[in-house]
Amino acid sequence: MKADTHPPYHPNTAISCACGAKWKSGSTSESLEVGICSSCHPFYTGKEKLLDTQGRVDKFKKRMEKASQLTRPPKKDRSAKNKK
């Protein structure tokens, strides 16, 4: 194996978030800046917005019902052409 192929490990890396939260962890960088963390992420803070999935399902069912009512001409039988 080659020597010195891995970067140095820093066990006390200072990590800071855009919201102002700071903590220490291990990394190959001496300091890190992140855009979002568990202190400000909507999922963890309870401010998550839920989408109206029921309305989407109804909309999909209406589209499928409308599509099933359309009549299409039958497909040509190409099996006789391939038998030659």
N, C-alpha and C. Protein backbone atom coordinates (compact mmCIF):
# COMPACT_ATOMS: atom_id res chain seq x y z
N MET A 1 0.83 -1.20 0.00
CA MET A 1 0.00 0.00 0.00
C MET A 1 0.86 1.25 0.00
N LYS A 2 0.34 2.28 -0.59
CA LYS A 2 1.06 3.54 -0.61
C LYS A 2 0.92 4.24 0.73
N ALA A 3 1.95 4.90 1.14
CA ALA A 3 1.92 5.66 2.39
C ALA A 3 1.40 7.07 2.10
N ASP A 4 0.80 7.66 3.09
CA ASP A 4 0.32 9.06 3.02
C ASP A 4 -0.72 9.29 1.93
N THR A 5 -1.65 8.37 1.75
CA THR A 5 -2.70 8.56 0.74
C THR A 5 -3.96 9.17 1.34
N HIS A 6 -4.13 9.08 2.65
CA HIS A 6 -5.34 9.60 3.30
C HIS A 6 -5.06 10.97 3.91
N PRO A 7 -6.04 11.87 3.88
CA PRO A 7 -5.86 13.18 4.50
C PRO A 7 -5.84 13.04 6.03
N PRO A 8 -5.29 14.01 6.71
CA PRO A 8 -5.24 13.93 8.19
C PRO A 8 -6.64 14.04 8.80
N TYR A 9 -6.86 13.31 9.88
CA TYR A 9 -8.16 13.31 10.57
C TYR A 9 -8.10 14.29 11.74
N HIS A 10 -9.09 15.15 11.83
CA HIS A 10 -9.19 16.13 12.92
C HIS A 10 -10.35 15.72 13.83
N PRO A 11 -10.08 15.24 15.03
CA PRO A 11 -11.16 14.76 15.90
C PRO A 11 -12.04 15.87 16.49
N ASN A 12 -11.58 17.11 16.50
CA ASN A 12 -12.36 18.21 17.08
C ASN A 12 -12.65 19.28 16.03
N THR A 13 -13.30 18.88 14.95
CA THR A 13 -13.66 19.82 13.90
C THR A 13 -14.82 20.70 14.37
N ALA A 14 -14.68 22.01 14.20
CA ALA A 14 -15.74 22.95 14.58
C ALA A 14 -16.72 23.06 13.42
N ILE A 15 -17.97 22.70 13.66
CA ILE A 15 -19.02 22.77 12.64
C ILE A 15 -19.99 23.88 13.03
N SER A 16 -20.28 24.77 12.08
CA SER A 16 -21.21 25.85 12.36
C SER A 16 -22.29 25.86 11.28
N CYS A 17 -23.51 26.16 11.72
CA CYS A 17 -24.66 26.20 10.82
C CYS A 17 -25.01 27.65 10.51
N ALA A 18 -25.77 27.86 9.45
CA ALA A 18 -26.21 29.20 9.08
C ALA A 18 -27.14 29.79 10.13
N CYS A 19 -27.83 28.93 10.91
CA CYS A 19 -28.74 29.43 11.95
C CYS A 19 -27.99 29.86 13.21
N GLY A 20 -26.70 29.55 13.31
CA GLY A 20 -25.91 29.96 14.46
C GLY A 20 -25.53 28.82 15.39
N ALA A 21 -26.06 27.63 15.17
CA ALA A 21 -25.72 26.48 16.00
C ALA A 21 -24.29 26.04 15.72
N LYS A 22 -23.58 25.63 16.77
CA LYS A 22 -22.20 25.18 16.64
C LYS A 22 -22.01 23.91 17.45
N TRP A 23 -21.19 22.98 16.94
CA TRP A 23 -20.85 21.76 17.65
C TRP A 23 -19.54 21.24 17.12
N LYS A 24 -19.01 20.22 17.78
CA LYS A 24 -17.74 19.63 17.38
C LYS A 24 -17.96 18.18 16.98
N SER A 25 -17.18 17.75 15.98
CA SER A 25 -17.26 16.39 15.48
C SER A 25 -15.92 16.07 14.82
N GLY A 26 -15.77 14.86 14.34
CA GLY A 26 -14.54 14.48 13.66
C GLY A 26 -14.70 14.59 12.15
N SER A 27 -13.63 15.04 11.48
CA SER A 27 -13.67 15.20 10.03
C SER A 27 -12.25 15.34 9.49
N THR A 28 -12.12 15.34 8.18
CA THR A 28 -10.82 15.58 7.57
C THR A 28 -10.58 17.07 7.36
N SER A 29 -11.59 17.90 7.60
CA SER A 29 -11.45 19.35 7.54
C SER A 29 -11.33 19.91 8.94
N GLU A 30 -10.65 21.04 9.07
CA GLU A 30 -10.50 21.65 10.39
C GLU A 30 -11.77 22.37 10.83
N SER A 31 -12.53 22.91 9.88
CA SER A 31 -13.79 23.57 10.20
C SER A 31 -14.74 23.40 9.03
N LEU A 32 -16.04 23.34 9.33
CA LEU A 32 -17.08 23.16 8.32
C LEU A 32 -18.19 24.15 8.56
N GLU A 33 -18.82 24.62 7.48
CA GLU A 33 -20.00 25.47 7.56
C GLU A 33 -21.10 24.77 6.79
N VAL A 34 -22.24 24.53 7.44
CA VAL A 34 -23.38 23.87 6.79
C VAL A 34 -24.53 24.86 6.67
N GLY A 35 -25.41 24.62 5.72
CA GLY A 35 -26.53 25.52 5.47
C GLY A 35 -27.74 25.22 6.33
N ILE A 36 -27.88 23.98 6.77
CA ILE A 36 -29.04 23.59 7.56
C ILE A 36 -28.64 22.46 8.50
N CYS A 37 -29.21 22.44 9.69
CA CYS A 37 -28.88 21.41 10.68
C CYS A 37 -30.17 20.95 11.37
N SER A 38 -30.04 20.06 12.32
CA SER A 38 -31.22 19.54 13.01
C SER A 38 -31.89 20.60 13.89
N SER A 39 -31.18 21.67 14.21
CA SER A 39 -31.77 22.74 15.02
C SER A 39 -32.71 23.64 14.21
N CYS A 40 -32.47 23.71 12.89
CA CYS A 40 -33.29 24.62 12.08
C CYS A 40 -34.03 23.91 10.94
N HIS A 41 -33.84 22.61 10.77
CA HIS A 41 -34.52 21.88 9.69
C HIS A 41 -36.01 21.75 10.01
N PRO A 42 -36.91 22.03 9.06
CA PRO A 42 -38.35 21.99 9.32
C PRO A 42 -38.86 20.63 9.81
N PHE A 43 -38.27 19.55 9.38
CA PHE A 43 -38.72 18.23 9.83
C PHE A 43 -38.49 18.05 11.33
N TYR A 44 -37.36 18.51 11.81
CA TYR A 44 -37.02 18.33 13.23
C TYR A 44 -37.63 19.39 14.13
N THR A 45 -37.94 20.56 13.59
CA THR A 45 -38.51 21.63 14.41
C THR A 45 -40.02 21.58 14.47
N GLY A 46 -40.66 20.75 13.65
CA GLY A 46 -42.12 20.64 13.65
C GLY A 46 -42.80 21.66 12.77
N LYS A 47 -42.08 22.39 11.98
CA LYS A 47 -42.66 23.40 11.10
C LYS A 47 -42.78 22.89 9.67
N GLU A 48 -42.79 21.58 9.50
CA GLU A 48 -42.87 20.97 8.18
C GLU A 48 -44.25 21.20 7.58
N LYS A 49 -44.27 21.53 6.29
CA LYS A 49 -45.53 21.74 5.58
C LYS A 49 -45.93 20.44 4.90
N LEU A 50 -47.14 19.98 5.12
CA LEU A 50 -47.63 18.77 4.49
C LEU A 50 -48.42 19.13 3.24
N LEU A 51 -48.21 18.38 2.18
CA LEU A 51 -48.92 18.63 0.94
C LEU A 51 -50.28 17.94 0.95
N ASP A 52 -51.20 18.44 0.18
CA ASP A 52 -52.54 17.87 0.08
C ASP A 52 -52.48 16.68 -0.87
N THR A 53 -52.15 15.51 -0.35
CA THR A 53 -52.04 14.33 -1.20
C THR A 53 -53.40 13.82 -1.63
N GLN A 54 -54.42 14.01 -0.84
CA GLN A 54 -55.75 13.54 -1.19
C GLN A 54 -56.24 14.23 -2.45
N GLY A 55 -56.01 15.52 -2.56
CA GLY A 55 -56.41 16.25 -3.76
C GLY A 55 -55.68 15.75 -4.99
N ARG A 56 -54.43 15.35 -4.83
CA ARG A 56 -53.66 14.85 -5.96
C ARG A 56 -54.18 13.50 -6.42
N VAL A 57 -54.57 12.67 -5.48
CA VAL A 57 -55.10 11.35 -5.82
C VAL A 57 -56.41 11.51 -6.58
N ASP A 58 -57.29 12.38 -6.11
CA ASP A 58 -58.56 12.63 -6.79
C ASP A 58 -58.33 13.15 -8.21
N LYS A 59 -57.38 14.04 -8.36
CA LYS A 59 -57.06 14.60 -9.67
C LYS A 59 -56.56 13.50 -10.61
N PHE A 60 -55.72 12.59 -10.09
CA PHE A 60 -55.22 11.47 -10.90
C PHE A 60 -56.35 10.55 -11.31
N LYS A 61 -57.27 10.23 -10.39
CA LYS A 61 -58.39 9.34 -10.71
C LYS A 61 -59.28 9.95 -11.78
N LYS A 62 -59.52 11.26 -11.72
CA LYS A 62 -60.33 11.92 -12.73
C LYS A 62 -59.67 11.83 -14.10
N ARG A 63 -58.36 12.01 -14.15
CA ARG A 63 -57.63 11.91 -15.42
C ARG A 63 -57.72 10.50 -15.98
N MET A 64 -57.57 9.50 -15.14
CA MET A 64 -57.62 8.11 -15.59
C MET A 64 -59.03 7.74 -16.09
N GLU A 65 -60.05 8.26 -15.41
CA GLU A 65 -61.43 8.00 -15.83
C GLU A 65 -61.69 8.64 -17.19
N LYS A 66 -61.22 9.84 -17.37
CA LYS A 66 -61.40 10.54 -18.64
C LYS A 66 -60.64 9.82 -19.75
N ALA A 67 -59.45 9.33 -19.47
CA ALA A 67 -58.65 8.63 -20.47
C ALA A 67 -59.29 7.29 -20.85
N SER A 68 -59.93 6.63 -19.90
CA SER A 68 -60.54 5.33 -20.21
C SER A 68 -61.79 5.50 -21.07
N GLN A 69 -62.39 6.67 -21.08
CA GLN A 69 -63.58 6.93 -21.87
C GLN A 69 -63.25 7.23 -23.33
N LEU A 70 -62.01 7.58 -23.60
CA LEU A 70 -61.60 7.87 -24.97
C LEU A 70 -61.53 6.57 -25.77
N THR A 71 -61.94 6.64 -27.02
CA THR A 71 -61.87 5.44 -27.87
C THR A 71 -60.68 5.58 -28.80
N ARG A 72 -59.96 4.50 -28.95
CA ARG A 72 -58.81 4.49 -29.82
C ARG A 72 -59.02 3.45 -30.91
N PRO A 73 -58.50 3.70 -32.09
CA PRO A 73 -58.60 2.69 -33.15
C PRO A 73 -57.75 1.47 -32.77
N PRO A 74 -58.18 0.27 -33.15
CA PRO A 74 -57.41 -0.92 -32.80
C PRO A 74 -56.05 -0.92 -33.50
N LYS A 75 -55.08 -1.54 -32.85
CA LYS A 75 -53.73 -1.60 -33.42
C LYS A 75 -53.72 -2.58 -34.57
N LYS A 76 -52.85 -2.33 -35.55
CA LYS A 76 -52.70 -3.23 -36.69
C LYS A 76 -52.02 -4.51 -36.24
N ASP A 77 -52.45 -5.62 -36.84
CA ASP A 77 -51.85 -6.91 -36.52
C ASP A 77 -50.60 -7.07 -37.39
N ARG A 78 -49.46 -7.03 -36.79
CA ARG A 78 -48.21 -7.14 -37.52
C ARG A 78 -47.60 -8.54 -37.41
N SER A 79 -48.31 -9.44 -36.75
CA SER A 79 -47.78 -10.79 -36.59
C SER A 79 -47.67 -11.52 -37.92
N ALA A 80 -48.58 -11.27 -38.87
CA ALA A 80 -48.53 -11.93 -40.18
C ALA A 80 -47.33 -11.42 -40.98
N LYS A 81 -46.95 -10.19 -40.83
CA LYS A 81 -45.83 -9.62 -41.53
C LYS A 81 -44.51 -10.22 -41.06
N ASN A 82 -44.40 -10.53 -39.75
CA ASN A 82 -43.18 -11.06 -39.18
C ASN A 82 -43.02 -12.56 -39.46
N LYS A 83 -44.04 -13.25 -39.89
CA LYS A 83 -43.98 -14.69 -40.12
C LYS A 83 -43.29 -15.06 -41.43
N LYS A 84 -43.10 -14.10 -42.32
CA LYS A 84 -42.51 -14.38 -43.64
C LYS A 84 -41.08 -14.80 -43.55
